[in-house]
Structures are given as structure tokens and as C-alpha cells.
Amino acid sequence: MATIVFLISRCSRSKSEAAKCIKAIAKQHNLPVSHISDYPILYRMYQEDMQKLKFQPADPQRPELGFTIIDPSVMVVAFQQLQRQIQEIKQQSGIVLVELADDDYKLFFEQLQPESCQNRHILFFEAELEAKNTRHTKEFLEQVKTYVKQKVIPQALL
């Protein structure tokens, strides 16, 4: 059974950088990694919302740049779909990275089924990463590496 790592943050770049770091460490240990996110689910729902009742473009002049959720019920639907993906993937070995795009984590974890919570870690990133080669970013990635090597990898290898 896979080890699940939830990546949550108010800024997307931190999660993406952490995911890259975890994938590299897992590769060193020959562990398979799956990476899923609620963003593709939400984006597909945004594209299907022709009447714009549930989503609005973040920039009306350039709707391809993203969206704003105006009907919170779409999050429940997205979380249910994400949870189905977790259930399918977690039967594999290795690590499953679950990246949450929205910052309403309370709603997600209230929706989360108990069987999805076995062998799991939650990594919350509070800071925005400015650039890859800043001292802050290097320290952040070193902390992620240390945690993953000490906690996630041993559990995933069991």
C-alpha cells in the first residue's frame, strides 16, 4: 500500500517545488511516485461551466490564465473525484503525492474517507518561494529532503 503525502500551501510554487524534491528522493530509492492534484479536475469543471455559474475567469481578458470559484459546492465534487483517484492509486506501492490547489483544506479533510488516511503525511508550506536559488528556497528544500528521508521513505519501503 502506498504512502500518501498531502502537499498543502497557500502558494502553488512551494507545493510544486516540494513535489519535485520528493520525486527525486523517491527515484534514488527506486520508489514509484504518483502525483495527483485537484487542479485538473477544477480546470475541467471550469471549462465545462459555459454559463459561468460556478466559476469566473480570473482575468476576463485572458480566461486561459485561470479561474475563481464562485460556487463552493464545486469543491465538494472535485474532492470526491480526487478521493476516488487516491483510492485507485493507493493500492500500488511507493508514494502518492496529493497536491491541493485550493486553500480550503478544512473542507477537503472533512470530506476525506478514513481509509484514505492510512500511511499518510501532511506537509504544509507557509512561505512562498521566490526563486530557486535563494537561501530561503535552499533551506526549505533541505527541510523537505530531511523529512522525506527520515519519515516518508522508510514508511514507503515497508
C-alpha atoms as a PDB file:
ATOM      1  CA  MET A   1       0.000   0.000   0.000  1.00  0.00           C
ATOM      2  CA  ALA A   2       1.307   3.425  -0.961  1.00  0.00           C
ATOM      3  CA  THR A   3       2.371   6.157   1.431  1.00  0.00           C
ATOM      4  CA  ILE A   4       0.263   9.251   0.812  1.00  0.00           C
ATOM      5  CA  VAL A   5       1.766  12.724   1.140  1.00  0.00           C
ATOM      6  CA  PHE A   6      -0.661  15.651   1.097  1.00  0.00           C
ATOM      7  CA  LEU A   7       1.024  18.847  -0.082  1.00  0.00           C
ATOM      8  CA  ILE A   8      -0.805  21.937   1.086  1.00  0.00           C
ATOM      9  CA  SER A   9       0.090  25.607   0.990  1.00  0.00           C
ATOM     10  CA  ARG A  10      -1.419  28.955   0.190  1.00  0.00           C
ATOM     11  CA  CYS A  11       1.043  29.320  -2.676  1.00  0.00           C
ATOM     12  CA  SER A  12       1.346  26.872  -5.534  1.00  0.00           C
ATOM     13  CA  ARG A  13       5.056  27.131  -6.151  1.00  0.00           C
ATOM     14  CA  SER A  14       6.020  25.707  -2.747  1.00  0.00           C
ATOM     15  CA  LYS A  15       3.957  22.584  -3.390  1.00  0.00           C
ATOM     16  CA  SER A  16       5.385  22.120  -6.862  1.00  0.00           C
ATOM     17  CA  GLU A  17       8.977  22.528  -5.677  1.00  0.00           C
ATOM     18  CA  ALA A  18       8.381  20.098  -2.815  1.00  0.00           C
ATOM     19  CA  ALA A  19       6.842  17.586  -5.230  1.00  0.00           C
ATOM     20  CA  LYS A  20       9.929  17.763  -7.480  1.00  0.00           C
ATOM     21  CA  CYS A  21      12.166  17.257  -4.467  1.00  0.00           C
ATOM     22  CA  ILE A  22      10.187  14.259  -3.198  1.00  0.00           C
ATOM     23  CA  LYS A  23      10.137  12.670  -6.656  1.00  0.00           C
ATOM     24  CA  ALA A  24      13.924  12.972  -6.895  1.00  0.00           C
ATOM     25  CA  ILE A  25      14.443  11.363  -3.480  1.00  0.00           C
ATOM     26  CA  ALA A  26      11.991   8.560  -4.261  1.00  0.00           C
ATOM     27  CA  LYS A  27      13.802   7.889  -7.539  1.00  0.00           C
ATOM     28  CA  GLN A  28      17.075   7.480  -5.614  1.00  0.00           C
ATOM     29  CA  HIS A  29      15.335   4.740  -3.593  1.00  0.00           C
ATOM     30  CA  ASN A  30      13.690   3.148  -6.654  1.00  0.00           C
ATOM     31  CA  LEU A  31      10.241   4.011  -5.313  1.00  0.00           C
ATOM     32  CA  PRO A  32       7.449   4.755  -7.765  1.00  0.00           C
ATOM     33  CA  VAL A  33       5.719   8.114  -7.305  1.00  0.00           C
ATOM     34  CA  SER A  34       2.255   9.136  -8.457  1.00  0.00           C
ATOM     35  CA  HIS A  35       1.355  12.828  -8.378  1.00  0.00           C
ATOM     36  CA  ILE A  36      -2.295  13.874  -8.434  1.00  0.00           C
ATOM     37  CA  SER A  37      -3.976  17.215  -7.939  1.00  0.00           C
ATOM     38  CA  ASP A  38      -7.443  18.671  -7.728  1.00  0.00           C
ATOM     39  CA  TYR A  39      -6.458  21.465 -10.159  1.00  0.00           C
ATOM     40  CA  PRO A  40      -7.025  19.450 -13.384  1.00  0.00           C
ATOM     41  CA  ILE A  41     -10.429  18.414 -12.037  1.00  0.00           C
ATOM     42  CA  LEU A  42     -11.353  22.015 -11.209  1.00  0.00           C
ATOM     43  CA  TYR A  43      -9.995  23.293 -14.531  1.00  0.00           C
ATOM     44  CA  ARG A  44     -12.081  20.782 -16.470  1.00  0.00           C
ATOM     45  CA  MET A  45     -15.159  21.839 -14.474  1.00  0.00           C
ATOM     46  CA  TYR A  46     -14.308  25.493 -15.199  1.00  0.00           C
ATOM     47  CA  GLN A  47     -14.120  24.790 -18.935  1.00  0.00           C
ATOM     48  CA  GLU A  48     -17.443  22.938 -18.848  1.00  0.00           C
ATOM     49  CA  ASP A  49     -19.189  25.794 -16.978  1.00  0.00           C
ATOM     50  CA  MET A  50     -20.342  27.595 -20.135  1.00  0.00           C
ATOM     51  CA  GLN A  51     -22.820  29.817 -18.306  1.00  0.00           C
ATOM     52  CA  LYS A  52     -20.196  30.812 -15.722  1.00  0.00           C
ATOM     53  CA  LEU A  53     -22.487  29.997 -12.805  1.00  0.00           C
ATOM     54  CA  LYS A  54     -19.821  28.210 -10.779  1.00  0.00           C
ATOM     55  CA  PHE A  55     -16.575  29.783 -11.987  1.00  0.00           C
ATOM     56  CA  GLN A  56     -15.410  33.137 -13.294  1.00  0.00           C
ATOM     57  CA  PRO A  57     -12.202  33.771 -15.230  1.00  0.00           C
ATOM     58  CA  ALA A  58      -9.516  35.257 -13.003  1.00  0.00           C
ATOM     59  CA  ASP A  59      -8.820  37.679 -15.862  1.00  0.00           C
ATOM     60  CA  PRO A  60     -11.833  38.178 -18.178  1.00  0.00           C
ATOM     61  CA  GLN A  61      -9.500  39.366 -20.952  1.00  0.00           C
ATOM     62  CA  ARG A  62      -7.454  36.161 -20.719  1.00  0.00           C
ATOM     63  CA  PRO A  63      -9.666  33.317 -19.416  1.00  0.00           C
ATOM     64  CA  GLU A  64      -6.932  30.745 -20.095  1.00  0.00           C
ATOM     65  CA  LEU A  65      -4.955  32.184 -17.158  1.00  0.00           C
ATOM     66  CA  GLY A  66      -7.141  30.600 -14.531  1.00  0.00           C
ATOM     67  CA  PHE A  67     -10.362  30.953 -12.660  1.00  0.00           C
ATOM     68  CA  THR A  68     -12.083  31.967  -9.465  1.00  0.00           C
ATOM     69  CA  ILE A  69     -14.582  29.631  -7.835  1.00  0.00           C
ATOM     70  CA  ILE A  70     -17.888  31.364  -7.119  1.00  0.00           C
ATOM     71  CA  ASP A  71     -19.917  28.294  -6.153  1.00  0.00           C
ATOM     72  CA  PRO A  72     -18.186  26.464  -3.270  1.00  0.00           C
ATOM     73  CA  SER A  73     -20.164  23.288  -3.977  1.00  0.00           C
ATOM     74  CA  VAL A  74     -17.769  22.556  -6.855  1.00  0.00           C
ATOM     75  CA  MET A  75     -15.071  21.875  -4.262  1.00  0.00           C
ATOM     76  CA  VAL A  76     -17.083  19.001  -2.796  1.00  0.00           C
ATOM     77  CA  VAL A  77     -17.439  17.446  -6.257  1.00  0.00           C
ATOM     78  CA  ALA A  78     -13.725  17.956  -7.013  1.00  0.00           C
ATOM     79  CA  PHE A  79     -12.704  16.479  -3.660  1.00  0.00           C
ATOM     80  CA  GLN A  80     -14.891  13.427  -4.247  1.00  0.00           C
ATOM     81  CA  GLN A  81     -13.246  12.851  -7.621  1.00  0.00           C
ATOM     82  CA  LEU A  82      -9.794  13.350  -6.117  1.00  0.00           C
ATOM     83  CA  GLN A  83     -10.615  10.902  -3.355  1.00  0.00           C
ATOM     84  CA  ARG A  84     -11.586   8.281  -5.954  1.00  0.00           C
ATOM     85  CA  GLN A  85      -8.207   8.789  -7.619  1.00  0.00           C
ATOM     86  CA  ILE A  86      -6.463   8.353  -4.252  1.00  0.00           C
ATOM     87  CA  GLN A  87      -8.354   5.097  -3.635  1.00  0.00           C
ATOM     88  CA  GLU A  88      -7.330   3.733  -7.034  1.00  0.00           C
ATOM     89  CA  ILE A  89      -3.676   4.690  -6.741  1.00  0.00           C
ATOM     90  CA  LYS A  90      -3.044   3.917  -3.072  1.00  0.00           C
ATOM     91  CA  GLN A  91      -3.236   0.178  -3.723  1.00  0.00           C
ATOM     92  CA  GLN A  92       0.098   0.488  -5.515  1.00  0.00           C
ATOM     93  CA  SER A  93       3.418   0.614  -3.735  1.00  0.00           C
ATOM     94  CA  GLY A  94       5.534   3.716  -3.406  1.00  0.00           C
ATOM     95  CA  ILE A  95       4.433   7.265  -2.760  1.00  0.00           C
ATOM     96  CA  VAL A  96       1.312   9.170  -3.808  1.00  0.00           C
ATOM     97  CA  LEU A  97       1.679  12.954  -3.780  1.00  0.00           C
ATOM     98  CA  VAL A  98      -1.663  14.728  -3.445  1.00  0.00           C
ATOM     99  CA  GLU A  99      -1.444  18.420  -4.283  1.00  0.00           C
ATOM    100  CA  LEU A 100      -4.409  20.562  -3.280  1.00  0.00           C
ATOM    101  CA  ALA A 101      -4.916  23.680  -5.395  1.00  0.00           C
ATOM    102  CA  ASP A 102      -7.459  25.464  -3.239  1.00  0.00           C
ATOM    103  CA  ASP A 103      -6.675  26.647   0.267  1.00  0.00           C
ATOM    104  CA  ASP A 104      -9.881  25.347   1.887  1.00  0.00           C
ATOM    105  CA  TYR A 105      -8.137  22.341   3.377  1.00  0.00           C
ATOM    106  CA  LYS A 106     -10.618  22.010   6.211  1.00  0.00           C
ATOM    107  CA  LEU A 107     -13.342  21.140   3.702  1.00  0.00           C
ATOM    108  CA  PHE A 108     -11.089  18.591   1.980  1.00  0.00           C
ATOM    109  CA  PHE A 109     -10.104  16.824   5.189  1.00  0.00           C
ATOM    110  CA  GLU A 110     -13.732  16.773   6.386  1.00  0.00           C
ATOM    111  CA  GLN A 111     -14.630  15.020   3.113  1.00  0.00           C
ATOM    112  CA  LEU A 112     -11.702  12.598   3.301  1.00  0.00           C
ATOM    113  CA  GLN A 113     -12.664   8.994   3.953  1.00  0.00           C
ATOM    114  CA  PRO A 114     -10.817   7.282   6.841  1.00  0.00           C
ATOM    115  CA  GLU A 115      -9.404   4.593   4.550  1.00  0.00           C
ATOM    116  CA  SER A 116      -7.618   7.342   2.619  1.00  0.00           C
ATOM    117  CA  CYS A 117      -5.795   8.399   5.776  1.00  0.00           C
ATOM    118  CA  GLN A 118      -3.685   5.316   6.384  1.00  0.00           C
ATOM    119  CA  ASN A 119       0.063   5.684   5.763  1.00  0.00           C
ATOM    120  CA  ARG A 120      -0.211   9.422   5.236  1.00  0.00           C
ATOM    121  CA  HIS A 121       1.765  12.578   5.847  1.00  0.00           C
ATOM    122  CA  ILE A 122       0.627  16.178   5.592  1.00  0.00           C
ATOM    123  CA  LEU A 123       3.210  18.742   4.557  1.00  0.00           C
ATOM    124  CA  PHE A 124       2.043  22.329   4.983  1.00  0.00           C
ATOM    125  CA  PHE A 125       4.183  25.087   3.489  1.00  0.00           C
ATOM    126  CA  GLU A 126       3.653  28.522   4.897  1.00  0.00           C
ATOM    127  CA  ALA A 127       6.118  30.540   2.833  1.00  0.00           C
ATOM    128  CA  GLU A 128       6.115  31.495  -0.832  1.00  0.00           C
ATOM    129  CA  LEU A 129       9.238  30.525  -2.732  1.00  0.00           C
ATOM    130  CA  GLU A 130      10.669  33.476  -4.601  1.00  0.00           C
ATOM    131  CA  ALA A 131      13.370  31.950  -6.762  1.00  0.00           C
ATOM    132  CA  LYS A 132      15.017  28.561  -6.893  1.00  0.00           C
ATOM    133  CA  ASN A 133      18.470  29.725  -5.856  1.00  0.00           C
ATOM    134  CA  THR A 134      17.651  31.937  -2.894  1.00  0.00           C
ATOM    135  CA  ARG A 135      18.907  30.938   0.534  1.00  0.00           C
ATOM    136  CA  HIS A 136      15.321  30.621   1.784  1.00  0.00           C
ATOM    137  CA  THR A 137      14.398  28.214  -1.010  1.00  0.00           C
ATOM    138  CA  LYS A 138      17.503  26.083  -0.481  1.00  0.00           C
ATOM    139  CA  GLU A 139      16.758  25.843   3.259  1.00  0.00           C
ATOM    140  CA  PHE A 140      13.134  24.948   2.532  1.00  0.00           C
ATOM    141  CA  LEU A 141      14.112  22.164   0.129  1.00  0.00           C
ATOM    142  CA  GLU A 142      16.702  20.819   2.590  1.00  0.00           C
ATOM    143  CA  GLN A 143      13.988  20.605   5.253  1.00  0.00           C
ATOM    144  CA  VAL A 144      11.700  18.771   2.830  1.00  0.00           C
ATOM    145  CA  LYS A 145      14.518  16.358   1.930  1.00  0.00           C
ATOM    146  CA  THR A 146      15.305  15.649   5.579  1.00  0.00           C
ATOM    147  CA  TYR A 147      11.678  14.972   6.457  1.00  0.00           C
ATOM    148  CA  VAL A 148      11.103  12.763   3.420  1.00  0.00           C
ATOM    149  CA  LYS A 149      14.280  10.737   4.024  1.00  0.00           C
ATOM    150  CA  GLN A 150      13.528  10.256   7.730  1.00  0.00           C
ATOM    151  CA  LYS A 151       9.764   9.727   7.665  1.00  0.00           C
ATOM    152  CA  VAL A 152       8.248   9.079   4.227  1.00  0.00           C
ATOM    153  CA  ILE A 153      10.845   6.843   2.555  1.00  0.00           C
ATOM    154  CA  PRO A 154      11.132   4.339   5.456  1.00  0.00           C
ATOM    155  CA  GLN A 155       7.344   4.006   5.611  1.00  0.00           C
ATOM    156  CA  ALA A 156       7.059   3.600   1.831  1.00  0.00           C
ATOM    157  CA  LEU A 157       9.726   0.898   1.838  1.00  0.00           C
ATOM    158  CA  LEU A 158       7.801  -1.271   4.334  1.00  0.00           C
END
